[in-house]
Amino acid sequence: MSEWNAPLAVALLGLGAGAALAALVELLNPRHWRRNDPWRDPSPPLFRLLMPLTRLIAERVGQPREAKRRYLQGRLERAGMGYALLPDELAVLRWLTATVAIAGGLVAMPALRSMDLAGPWLPFALGLLGYAYPMIWLRDQGLRRQRGIARQFPALLELLGLSVRAGLSFSAALPQCTAQLEAGPLREEMQRVAREIRTGTRRNEALERMAERIDLNAVHGFVAAIVQADETGAAISQTLSDQAAQRRRERFAAAEKKANEAPVKMLLPLVGLLFPVTFLIIGFPIALQFIEGGLL
């Protein structure tokens, strides 16, 4: 390890040891943060280990700028982590994961150098990867939630349409239909909408907040149709039926598009992996006969 890496490694290892000690003390403390904040949802395992130090730093650093805070809050809501992390905690967490990645790289540097896999660029690359990892995780989690919501959304609209045609109001039908959904992100979002309506939030406002959190075109279209039906006095039951049919058509079109794209996506693995092996199996006996016959 070079001279400039040694003090940096010692400092980062000390910081990592302090963070681990603080996390252990906090986790063993009977007054754990989840008891102090009963509104919080559990965080992912890696984030949970760093949360004590994250909260300690975030309380002293303060809130990020308003634009950045709204951006981080939107990413958290889309990933379903709005009740697990705060925007200022996420901003601090990104720096902590970068520090942990750099410290791990410096510790493994001697072993990597023996295999000619390390260089002066490695700590910086690991730091960038560690800094970006929380946002990458949130993006993937958000995409998974959006896929789950898009899959369940037409069924929910059909249930709502049947319930409203049977005589229930939209606000009364919402919790009844939500209870029939399988556990997943859509059920959680609709339960949150029902809670907000019960606590006095206007129905359209609660639905618009849900659409902002989910950020799906199908949900935005549904909310816009409900708001327009309220403003024009149209029958909500017919609006729900039309929306359910439209969502079904969109899902069918998306499935058909993916089916048409499958042969194109399979072309590269076939050309790169299957065809060379096939040519080798066919050509090896022929080449062996030429070799034995003295033609090669």
C-alpha atoms as a PDB file:
ATOM      1  CA  MET A   1       0.000   0.000   0.000  1.00  0.00           C
ATOM      2  CA  SER A   2       1.407   3.365  -0.990  1.00  0.00           C
ATOM      3  CA  GLU A   3       2.138   6.161   1.467  1.00  0.00           C
ATOM      4  CA  TRP A   4      -0.904   8.219   0.556  1.00  0.00           C
ATOM      5  CA  ASN A   5      -3.204   5.215   0.869  1.00  0.00           C
ATOM      6  CA  ALA A   6      -2.093   4.226   4.371  1.00  0.00           C
ATOM      7  CA  PRO A   7      -3.472   7.233   6.335  1.00  0.00           C
ATOM      8  CA  LEU A   8      -6.655   7.182   4.264  1.00  0.00           C
ATOM      9  CA  ALA A   9      -7.161   3.479   4.948  1.00  0.00           C
ATOM     10  CA  VAL A  10      -6.582   3.957   8.677  1.00  0.00           C
ATOM     11  CA  ALA A  11      -9.037   6.860   8.794  1.00  0.00           C
ATOM     12  CA  LEU A  12     -11.723   4.998   6.837  1.00  0.00           C
ATOM     13  CA  LEU A  13     -11.259   1.840   8.897  1.00  0.00           C
ATOM     14  CA  GLY A  14     -11.599   3.901  12.054  1.00  0.00           C
ATOM     15  CA  LEU A  15     -14.741   5.528  10.727  1.00  0.00           C
ATOM     16  CA  GLY A  16     -16.132   2.129   9.744  1.00  0.00           C
ATOM     17  CA  ALA A  17     -15.339   0.684  13.166  1.00  0.00           C
ATOM     18  CA  GLY A  18     -17.025   3.652  14.830  1.00  0.00           C
ATOM     19  CA  ALA A  19     -20.091   3.268  12.619  1.00  0.00           C
ATOM     20  CA  ALA A  20     -20.290  -0.446  13.379  1.00  0.00           C
ATOM     21  CA  LEU A  21     -19.958   0.209  17.106  1.00  0.00           C
ATOM     22  CA  ALA A  22     -22.627   2.909  17.018  1.00  0.00           C
ATOM     23  CA  ALA A  23     -24.946   0.638  15.039  1.00  0.00           C
ATOM     24  CA  LEU A  24     -24.392  -2.250  17.481  1.00  0.00           C
ATOM     25  CA  VAL A  25     -25.038  -0.048  20.501  1.00  0.00           C
ATOM     26  CA  GLU A  26     -28.202   1.333  18.921  1.00  0.00           C
ATOM     27  CA  LEU A  27     -29.475  -2.085  17.901  1.00  0.00           C
ATOM     28  CA  LEU A  28     -28.894  -3.455  21.406  1.00  0.00           C
ATOM     29  CA  ASN A  29     -30.523  -0.448  23.024  1.00  0.00           C
ATOM     30  CA  PRO A  30     -34.026  -1.299  24.352  1.00  0.00           C
ATOM     31  CA  ARG A  31     -35.209   2.118  23.193  1.00  0.00           C
ATOM     32  CA  HIS A  32     -34.655   1.287  19.565  1.00  0.00           C
ATOM     33  CA  TRP A  33     -35.474   3.848  16.857  1.00  0.00           C
ATOM     34  CA  ARG A  34     -38.395   1.758  15.593  1.00  0.00           C
ATOM     35  CA  ARG A  35     -40.012   2.092  19.005  1.00  0.00           C
ATOM     36  CA  ASN A  36     -39.344   5.809  19.127  1.00  0.00           C
ATOM     37  CA  ASP A  37     -40.825   6.235  15.627  1.00  0.00           C
ATOM     38  CA  PRO A  38     -43.739   3.787  15.424  1.00  0.00           C
ATOM     39  CA  TRP A  39     -44.793   5.259  12.059  1.00  0.00           C
ATOM     40  CA  ARG A  40     -41.672   3.915  10.356  1.00  0.00           C
ATOM     41  CA  ASP A  41     -41.623   0.860   8.128  1.00  0.00           C
ATOM     42  CA  PRO A  42     -38.625  -1.500   8.354  1.00  0.00           C
ATOM     43  CA  SER A  43     -35.685  -0.574   6.142  1.00  0.00           C
ATOM     44  CA  PRO A  44     -33.705  -2.994   3.947  1.00  0.00           C
ATOM     45  CA  PRO A  45     -31.041  -4.952   5.885  1.00  0.00           C
ATOM     46  CA  LEU A  46     -28.011  -2.984   4.628  1.00  0.00           C
ATOM     47  CA  PHE A  47     -29.696   0.366   5.186  1.00  0.00           C
ATOM     48  CA  ARG A  48     -30.901  -0.761   8.611  1.00  0.00           C
ATOM     49  CA  LEU A  49     -27.344  -1.427   9.795  1.00  0.00           C
ATOM     50  CA  LEU A  50     -26.286   2.088   8.832  1.00  0.00           C
ATOM     51  CA  MET A  51     -29.438   3.820  10.097  1.00  0.00           C
ATOM     52  CA  PRO A  52     -28.201   4.731  13.618  1.00  0.00           C
ATOM     53  CA  LEU A  53     -25.197   6.618  12.279  1.00  0.00           C
ATOM     54  CA  THR A  54     -27.269   7.978   9.396  1.00  0.00           C
ATOM     55  CA  ARG A  55     -29.849   9.514  11.729  1.00  0.00           C
ATOM     56  CA  LEU A  56     -27.139  10.868  14.021  1.00  0.00           C
ATOM     57  CA  ILE A  57     -25.448  12.713  11.145  1.00  0.00           C
ATOM     58  CA  ALA A  58     -28.711  13.775   9.488  1.00  0.00           C
ATOM     59  CA  GLU A  59     -29.918  15.479  12.673  1.00  0.00           C
ATOM     60  CA  ARG A  60     -26.787  17.636  12.685  1.00  0.00           C
ATOM     61  CA  VAL A  61     -26.439  18.294   8.953  1.00  0.00           C
ATOM     62  CA  GLY A  62     -30.011  19.452   8.426  1.00  0.00           C
ATOM     63  CA  GLN A  63     -32.378  19.310   5.488  1.00  0.00           C
ATOM     64  CA  PRO A  64     -31.104  19.316   1.870  1.00  0.00           C
ATOM     65  CA  ARG A  65     -32.215  21.962  -0.605  1.00  0.00           C
ATOM     66  CA  GLU A  66     -35.928  22.029  -1.393  1.00  0.00           C
ATOM     67  CA  ALA A  67     -35.534  20.798  -4.982  1.00  0.00           C
ATOM     68  CA  LYS A  68     -33.274  17.930  -3.915  1.00  0.00           C
ATOM     69  CA  ARG A  69     -35.552  17.089  -1.005  1.00  0.00           C
ATOM     70  CA  ARG A  70     -38.579  16.806  -3.324  1.00  0.00           C
ATOM     71  CA  TYR A  71     -36.586  14.656  -5.750  1.00  0.00           C
ATOM     72  CA  LEU A  72     -35.421  12.271  -3.021  1.00  0.00           C
ATOM     73  CA  GLN A  73     -38.890  12.129  -1.490  1.00  0.00           C
ATOM     74  CA  GLY A  74     -40.362  11.219  -4.864  1.00  0.00           C
ATOM     75  CA  ARG A  75     -37.852   8.393  -5.332  1.00  0.00           C
ATOM     76  CA  LEU A  76     -38.606   7.073  -1.841  1.00  0.00           C
ATOM     77  CA  GLU A  77     -42.369   7.191  -2.387  1.00  0.00           C
ATOM     78  CA  ARG A  78     -42.092   5.439  -5.748  1.00  0.00           C
ATOM     79  CA  ALA A  79     -40.094   2.637  -4.127  1.00  0.00           C
ATOM     80  CA  GLY A  80     -42.541   2.323  -1.227  1.00  0.00           C
ATOM     81  CA  MET A  81     -39.951   3.592   1.269  1.00  0.00           C
ATOM     82  CA  GLY A  82     -41.652   6.854   2.197  1.00  0.00           C
ATOM     83  CA  TYR A  83     -42.284   5.622   5.758  1.00  0.00           C
ATOM     84  CA  ALA A  84     -38.865   3.994   6.157  1.00  0.00           C
ATOM     85  CA  LEU A  85     -36.418   6.779   5.222  1.00  0.00           C
ATOM     86  CA  LEU A  86     -36.516  10.557   5.179  1.00  0.00           C
ATOM     87  CA  PRO A  87     -34.923  12.574   2.345  1.00  0.00           C
ATOM     88  CA  ASP A  88     -32.170  13.964   4.575  1.00  0.00           C
ATOM     89  CA  GLU A  89     -31.395  10.447   5.840  1.00  0.00           C
ATOM     90  CA  LEU A  90     -31.153   9.163   2.272  1.00  0.00           C
ATOM     91  CA  ALA A  91     -28.708  11.954   1.360  1.00  0.00           C
ATOM     92  CA  VAL A  92     -26.469  11.020   4.318  1.00  0.00           C
ATOM     93  CA  LEU A  93     -26.863   7.302   3.631  1.00  0.00           C
ATOM     94  CA  ARG A  94     -25.405   7.699   0.142  1.00  0.00           C
ATOM     95  CA  TRP A  95     -22.186   9.147   1.581  1.00  0.00           C
ATOM     96  CA  LEU A  96     -21.988   6.382   4.184  1.00  0.00           C
ATOM     97  CA  THR A  97     -22.335   3.613   1.604  1.00  0.00           C
ATOM     98  CA  ALA A  98     -19.610   5.321  -0.455  1.00  0.00           C
ATOM     99  CA  THR A  99     -17.340   5.371   2.618  1.00  0.00           C
ATOM    100  CA  VAL A 100     -18.020   1.698   3.337  1.00  0.00           C
ATOM    101  CA  ALA A 101     -17.246   0.777  -0.290  1.00  0.00           C
ATOM    102  CA  ILE A 102     -13.948   2.705  -0.269  1.00  0.00           C
ATOM    103  CA  ALA A 103     -12.919   1.161   3.063  1.00  0.00           C
ATOM    104  CA  GLY A 104     -13.673  -2.329   1.753  1.00  0.00           C
ATOM    105  CA  GLY A 105     -11.656  -1.654  -1.382  1.00  0.00           C
ATOM    106  CA  LEU A 106      -8.651  -0.429   0.597  1.00  0.00           C
ATOM    107  CA  VAL A 107      -8.763  -3.462   2.868  1.00  0.00           C
ATOM    108  CA  ALA A 108      -8.856  -5.806  -0.131  1.00  0.00           C
ATOM    109  CA  MET A 109      -6.220  -3.820  -2.042  1.00  0.00           C
ATOM    110  CA  PRO A 110      -3.207  -6.066  -1.192  1.00  0.00           C
ATOM    111  CA  ALA A 111      -5.040  -9.213  -2.279  1.00  0.00           C
ATOM    112  CA  LEU A 112      -6.273  -7.572  -5.461  1.00  0.00           C
ATOM    113  CA  ARG A 113      -2.812  -6.255  -6.302  1.00  0.00           C
ATOM    114  CA  SER A 114      -1.365  -9.752  -6.019  1.00  0.00           C
ATOM    115  CA  MET A 115      -3.795 -10.740  -8.793  1.00  0.00           C
ATOM    116  CA  ASP A 116      -3.104  -7.570 -10.839  1.00  0.00           C
ATOM    117  CA  LEU A 117      -6.707  -6.422 -10.358  1.00  0.00           C
ATOM    118  CA  ALA A 118      -6.108  -3.210  -8.413  1.00  0.00           C
ATOM    119  CA  GLY A 119      -4.945   0.269  -9.258  1.00  0.00           C
ATOM    120  CA  PRO A 120      -5.143   3.807  -7.905  1.00  0.00           C
ATOM    121  CA  TRP A 121      -8.534   4.166  -9.602  1.00  0.00           C
ATOM    122  CA  LEU A 122     -10.148   1.354  -7.577  1.00  0.00           C
ATOM    123  CA  PRO A 123     -11.055   3.353  -4.407  1.00  0.00           C
ATOM    124  CA  PHE A 124     -12.605   6.129  -6.486  1.00  0.00           C
ATOM    125  CA  ALA A 125     -14.591   3.646  -8.597  1.00  0.00           C
ATOM    126  CA  LEU A 126     -15.826   1.858  -5.481  1.00  0.00           C
ATOM    127  CA  GLY A 127     -16.727   5.195  -3.902  1.00  0.00           C
ATOM    128  CA  LEU A 128     -18.828   6.172  -6.917  1.00  0.00           C
ATOM    129  CA  LEU A 129     -20.512   2.765  -6.919  1.00  0.00           C
ATOM    130  CA  GLY A 130     -21.246   2.985  -3.196  1.00  0.00           C
ATOM    131  CA  TYR A 131     -22.620   6.510  -3.567  1.00  0.00           C
ATOM    132  CA  ALA A 132     -24.925   5.442  -6.407  1.00  0.00           C
ATOM    133  CA  TYR A 133     -26.036   2.136  -4.869  1.00  0.00           C
ATOM    134  CA  PRO A 134     -28.967   3.483  -2.749  1.00  0.00           C
ATOM    135  CA  MET A 135     -30.457   5.270  -5.760  1.00  0.00           C
ATOM    136  CA  ILE A 136     -29.969   2.188  -7.964  1.00  0.00           C
ATOM    137  CA  TRP A 137     -31.724   0.065  -5.346  1.00  0.00           C
ATOM    138  CA  LEU A 138     -34.591   2.560  -5.086  1.00  0.00           C
ATOM    139  CA  ARG A 139     -34.981   2.654  -8.872  1.00  0.00           C
ATOM    140  CA  ASP A 140     -35.141  -1.151  -9.130  1.00  0.00           C
ATOM    141  CA  GLN A 141     -37.549  -1.350  -6.202  1.00  0.00           C
ATOM    142  CA  GLY A 142     -39.741   1.323  -7.802  1.00  0.00           C
ATOM    143  CA  LEU A 143     -39.835  -0.555 -11.126  1.00  0.00           C
ATOM    144  CA  ARG A 144     -40.813  -3.780  -9.349  1.00  0.00           C
ATOM    145  CA  ARG A 145     -43.636  -1.985  -7.529  1.00  0.00           C
ATOM    146  CA  GLN A 146     -44.856  -0.410 -10.769  1.00  0.00           C
ATOM    147  CA  ARG A 147     -44.951  -3.807 -12.499  1.00  0.00           C
ATOM    148  CA  GLY A 148     -46.907  -5.297  -9.605  1.00  0.00           C
ATOM    149  CA  ILE A 149     -49.370  -2.398  -9.594  1.00  0.00           C
ATOM    150  CA  ALA A 150     -49.867  -2.539 -13.369  1.00  0.00           C
ATOM    151  CA  ARG A 151     -50.625  -6.268 -13.119  1.00  0.00           C
ATOM    152  CA  GLN A 152     -53.294  -5.881 -10.403  1.00  0.00           C
ATOM    153  CA  PHE A 153     -54.805  -2.557 -11.465  1.00  0.00           C
ATOM    154  CA  PRO A 154     -57.374  -3.817 -14.058  1.00  0.00           C
ATOM    155  CA  ALA A 155     -58.805  -6.302 -11.542  1.00  0.00           C
ATOM    156  CA  LEU A 156     -59.225  -3.538  -8.969  1.00  0.00           C
ATOM    157  CA  LEU A 157     -61.044  -1.326 -11.467  1.00  0.00           C
ATOM    158  CA  GLU A 158     -63.425  -4.136 -12.356  1.00  0.00           C
ATOM    159  CA  LEU A 159     -64.163  -4.800  -8.686  1.00  0.00           C
ATOM    160  CA  LEU A 160     -64.790  -1.102  -8.089  1.00  0.00           C
ATOM    161  CA  GLY A 161     -67.094  -0.916 -11.114  1.00  0.00           C
ATOM    162  CA  LEU A 162     -69.140  -3.921  -9.942  1.00  0.00           C
ATOM    163  CA  SER A 163     -69.396  -2.557  -6.398  1.00  0.00           C
ATOM    164  CA  VAL A 164     -70.529   0.897  -7.535  1.00  0.00           C
ATOM    165  CA  ARG A 165     -73.113  -0.598  -9.900  1.00  0.00           C
ATOM    166  CA  ALA A 166     -74.358  -2.707  -6.971  1.00  0.00           C
ATOM    167  CA  GLY A 167     -75.186   0.474  -5.053  1.00  0.00           C
ATOM    168  CA  LEU A 168     -72.086   1.324  -3.003  1.00  0.00           C
ATOM    169  CA  SER A 169     -70.481   4.725  -3.172  1.00  0.00           C
ATOM    170  CA  PHE A 170     -66.919   4.972  -4.434  1.00  0.00           C
ATOM    171  CA  SER A 171     -65.566   5.752  -0.933  1.00  0.00           C
ATOM    172  CA  ALA A 172     -67.427   2.763   0.551  1.00  0.00           C
ATOM    173  CA  ALA A 173     -66.455   0.401  -2.263  1.00  0.00           C
ATOM    174  CA  LEU A 174     -62.760   1.285  -2.083  1.00  0.00           C
ATOM    175  CA  PRO A 175     -61.906  -0.504   1.218  1.00  0.00           C
ATOM    176  CA  GLN A 176     -64.189  -3.429   0.335  1.00  0.00           C
ATOM    177  CA  CYS A 177     -62.447  -4.017  -2.999  1.00  0.00           C
ATOM    178  CA  THR A 178     -58.987  -3.390  -1.558  1.00  0.00           C
ATOM    179  CA  ALA A 179     -59.532  -6.184   0.969  1.00  0.00           C
ATOM    180  CA  GLN A 180     -60.061  -8.637  -1.924  1.00  0.00           C
ATOM    181  CA  LEU A 181     -56.682  -7.889  -3.507  1.00  0.00           C
ATOM    182  CA  GLU A 182     -53.678 -10.077  -2.836  1.00  0.00           C
ATOM    183  CA  ALA A 183     -50.959  -8.584  -0.663  1.00  0.00           C
ATOM    184  CA  GLY A 184     -48.798  -6.259  -2.706  1.00  0.00           C
ATOM    185  CA  PRO A 185     -47.980  -2.644  -3.532  1.00  0.00           C
ATOM    186  CA  LEU A 186     -51.410  -1.825  -4.999  1.00  0.00           C
ATOM    187  CA  ARG A 187     -53.183  -3.016  -1.880  1.00  0.00           C
ATOM    188  CA  GLU A 188     -50.858  -0.902   0.275  1.00  0.00           C
ATOM    189  CA  GLU A 189     -51.444   2.190  -1.843  1.00  0.00           C
ATOM    190  CA  MET A 190     -55.229   1.812  -1.860  1.00  0.00           C
ATOM    191  CA  GLN A 191     -55.268   1.254   1.899  1.00  0.00           C
ATOM    192  CA  ARG A 192     -53.322   4.479   2.261  1.00  0.00           C
ATOM    193  CA  VAL A 193     -55.855   6.285   0.065  1.00  0.00           C
ATOM    194  CA  ALA A 194     -58.717   4.913   2.187  1.00  0.00           C
ATOM    195  CA  ARG A 195     -56.983   6.086   5.383  1.00  0.00           C
ATOM    196  CA  GLU A 196     -56.464   9.566   3.971  1.00  0.00           C
ATOM    197  CA  ILE A 197     -60.132   9.797   2.968  1.00  0.00           C
ATOM    198  CA  ARG A 198     -61.241   8.693   6.446  1.00  0.00           C
ATOM    199  CA  THR A 199     -59.045  11.349   8.051  1.00  0.00           C
ATOM    200  CA  GLY A 200     -60.709  14.141   6.080  1.00  0.00           C
ATOM    201  CA  THR A 201     -58.710  14.426   2.855  1.00  0.00           C
ATOM    202  CA  ARG A 202     -60.827  15.023  -0.242  1.00  0.00           C
ATOM    203  CA  ARG A 203     -61.166  11.917  -2.374  1.00  0.00           C
ATOM    204  CA  ASN A 204     -59.765  13.480  -5.522  1.00  0.00           C
ATOM    205  CA  GLU A 205     -56.797  14.918  -3.622  1.00  0.00           C
ATOM    206  CA  ALA A 206     -56.011  11.517  -2.078  1.00  0.00           C
ATOM    207  CA  LEU A 207     -56.196   9.870  -5.506  1.00  0.00           C
ATOM    208  CA  GLU A 208     -53.946  12.520  -7.056  1.00  0.00           C
ATOM    209  CA  ARG A 209     -51.358  11.951  -4.320  1.00  0.00           C
ATOM    210  CA  MET A 210     -51.490   8.227  -5.033  1.00  0.00           C
ATOM    211  CA  ALA A 211     -50.937   8.857  -8.751  1.00  0.00           C
ATOM    212  CA  GLU A 212     -47.899  11.028  -7.977  1.00  0.00           C
ATOM    213  CA  ARG A 213     -46.435   8.332  -5.732  1.00  0.00           C
ATOM    214  CA  ILE A 214     -46.941   5.482  -8.207  1.00  0.00           C
ATOM    215  CA  ASP A 215     -46.123   7.509 -11.359  1.00  0.00           C
ATOM    216  CA  LEU A 216     -47.811   5.180 -13.866  1.00  0.00           C
ATOM    217  CA  ASN A 217     -49.651   6.395 -16.946  1.00  0.00           C
ATOM    218  CA  ALA A 218     -52.513   3.977 -16.241  1.00  0.00           C
ATOM    219  CA  VAL A 219     -53.011   5.354 -12.726  1.00  0.00           C
ATOM    220  CA  HIS A 220     -52.755   8.968 -13.923  1.00  0.00           C
ATOM    221  CA  GLY A 221     -55.407   8.241 -16.567  1.00  0.00           C
ATOM    222  CA  PHE A 222     -57.704   6.605 -14.002  1.00  0.00           C
ATOM    223  CA  VAL A 223     -57.430   9.531 -11.589  1.00  0.00           C
ATOM    224  CA  ALA A 224     -58.015  12.060 -14.371  1.00  0.00           C
ATOM    225  CA  ALA A 225     -61.130  10.136 -15.472  1.00  0.00           C
ATOM    226  CA  ILE A 226     -62.525  10.057 -11.902  1.00  0.00           C
ATOM    227  CA  VAL A 227     -61.893  13.787 -11.440  1.00  0.00           C
ATOM    228  CA  GLN A 228     -63.546  14.564 -14.793  1.00  0.00           C
ATOM    229  CA  ALA A 229     -66.558  12.385 -13.917  1.00  0.00           C
ATOM    230  CA  ASP A 230     -66.985  14.299 -10.655  1.00  0.00           C
ATOM    231  CA  GLU A 231     -66.778  17.644 -12.412  1.00  0.00           C
ATOM    232  CA  THR A 232     -69.170  16.746 -15.248  1.00  0.00           C
ATOM    233  CA  GLY A 233     -71.591  14.620 -13.237  1.00  0.00           C
ATOM    234  CA  ALA A 234     -70.976  11.487 -15.298  1.00  0.00           C
ATOM    235  CA  ALA A 235     -71.696   8.034 -13.876  1.00  0.00           C
ATOM    236  CA  ILE A 236     -68.642   6.769 -12.004  1.00  0.00           C
ATOM    237  CA  SER A 237     -69.681   3.136 -12.601  1.00  0.00           C
ATOM    238  CA  GLN A 238     -69.451   3.591 -16.374  1.00  0.00           C
ATOM    239  CA  THR A 239     -66.159   5.467 -16.009  1.00  0.00           C
ATOM    240  CA  LEU A 240     -64.716   2.594 -13.964  1.00  0.00           C
ATOM    241  CA  SER A 241     -65.903   0.026 -16.525  1.00  0.00           C
ATOM    242  CA  ASP A 242     -64.355   1.996 -19.375  1.00  0.00           C
ATOM    243  CA  GLN A 243     -61.090   2.386 -17.464  1.00  0.00           C
ATOM    244  CA  ALA A 244     -60.960  -1.349 -16.666  1.00  0.00           C
ATOM    245  CA  ALA A 245     -61.500  -2.240 -20.337  1.00  0.00           C
ATOM    246  CA  GLN A 246     -58.840   0.262 -21.411  1.00  0.00           C
ATOM    247  CA  ARG A 247     -56.320  -1.121 -18.913  1.00  0.00           C
ATOM    248  CA  ARG A 248     -57.000  -4.653 -20.120  1.00  0.00           C
ATOM    249  CA  ARG A 249     -56.398  -3.602 -23.717  1.00  0.00           C
ATOM    250  CA  GLU A 250     -53.164  -1.864 -22.725  1.00  0.00           C
ATOM    251  CA  ARG A 251     -51.914  -4.968 -20.902  1.00  0.00           C
ATOM    252  CA  PHE A 252     -52.767  -7.156 -23.907  1.00  0.00           C
ATOM    253  CA  ALA A 253     -50.974  -4.754 -26.259  1.00  0.00           C
ATOM    254  CA  ALA A 254     -47.907  -4.691 -23.991  1.00  0.00           C
ATOM    255  CA  ALA A 255     -47.835  -8.505 -23.830  1.00  0.00           C
ATOM    256  CA  GLU A 256     -48.170  -8.719 -27.614  1.00  0.00           C
ATOM    257  CA  LYS A 257     -45.312  -6.230 -28.051  1.00  0.00           C
ATOM    258  CA  LYS A 258     -43.035  -8.251 -25.764  1.00  0.00           C
ATOM    259  CA  ALA A 259     -43.928 -11.441 -27.638  1.00  0.00           C
ATOM    260  CA  ASN A 260     -42.987  -9.807 -30.943  1.00  0.00           C
ATOM    261  CA  GLU A 261     -39.694  -8.589 -29.466  1.00  0.00           C
ATOM    262  CA  ALA A 262     -38.716 -12.045 -28.170  1.00  0.00           C
ATOM    263  CA  PRO A 263     -37.297 -13.426 -31.492  1.00  0.00           C
ATOM    264  CA  VAL A 264     -35.117 -10.336 -31.927  1.00  0.00           C
ATOM    265  CA  LYS A 265     -33.783 -10.606 -28.373  1.00  0.00           C
ATOM    266  CA  MET A 266     -33.037 -14.311 -28.867  1.00  0.00           C
ATOM    267  CA  LEU A 267     -31.020 -13.653 -32.016  1.00  0.00           C
ATOM    268  CA  LEU A 268     -27.845 -12.493 -30.271  1.00  0.00           C
ATOM    269  CA  PRO A 269     -27.614 -15.489 -27.855  1.00  0.00           C
ATOM    270  CA  LEU A 270     -28.258 -17.842 -30.775  1.00  0.00           C
ATOM    271  CA  VAL A 271     -25.571 -16.286 -32.962  1.00  0.00           C
ATOM    272  CA  GLY A 272     -23.063 -15.813 -30.160  1.00  0.00           C
ATOM    273  CA  LEU A 273     -23.517 -19.051 -28.208  1.00  0.00           C
ATOM    274  CA  LEU A 274     -25.505 -21.737 -29.982  1.00  0.00           C
ATOM    275  CA  PHE A 275     -24.307 -21.441 -33.574  1.00  0.00           C
ATOM    276  CA  PRO A 276     -20.538 -21.651 -32.803  1.00  0.00           C
ATOM    277  CA  VAL A 277     -21.079 -24.817 -30.749  1.00  0.00           C
ATOM    278  CA  THR A 278     -23.222 -26.301 -33.510  1.00  0.00           C
ATOM    279  CA  PHE A 279     -20.603 -25.535 -36.175  1.00  0.00           C
ATOM    280  CA  LEU A 280     -17.904 -27.008 -33.921  1.00  0.00           C
ATOM    281  CA  ILE A 281     -19.843 -30.244 -33.442  1.00  0.00           C
ATOM    282  CA  ILE A 282     -20.497 -30.551 -37.187  1.00  0.00           C
ATOM    283  CA  GLY A 283     -17.072 -29.412 -38.349  1.00  0.00           C
ATOM    284  CA  PHE A 284     -14.834 -31.332 -35.919  1.00  0.00           C
ATOM    285  CA  PRO A 285     -15.431 -34.826 -37.433  1.00  0.00           C
ATOM    286  CA  ILE A 286     -14.934 -33.424 -40.930  1.00  0.00           C
ATOM    287  CA  ALA A 287     -11.683 -31.721 -39.919  1.00  0.00           C
ATOM    288  CA  LEU A 288     -10.536 -34.937 -38.184  1.00  0.00           C
ATOM    289  CA  GLN A 289     -11.118 -36.952 -41.372  1.00  0.00           C
ATOM    290  CA  PHE A 290      -9.092 -34.425 -43.388  1.00  0.00           C
ATOM    291  CA  ILE A 291      -6.266 -34.615 -40.828  1.00  0.00           C
ATOM    292  CA  GLU A 292      -6.249 -38.434 -40.862  1.00  0.00           C
ATOM    293  CA  GLY A 293      -6.302 -38.462 -44.678  1.00  0.00           C
ATOM    294  CA  GLY A 294      -3.324 -36.110 -44.807  1.00  0.00           C
ATOM    295  CA  LEU A 295      -5.213 -33.355 -46.522  1.00  0.00           C
ATOM    296  CA  LEU A 296      -4.537 -30.896 -43.690  1.00  0.00           C
END
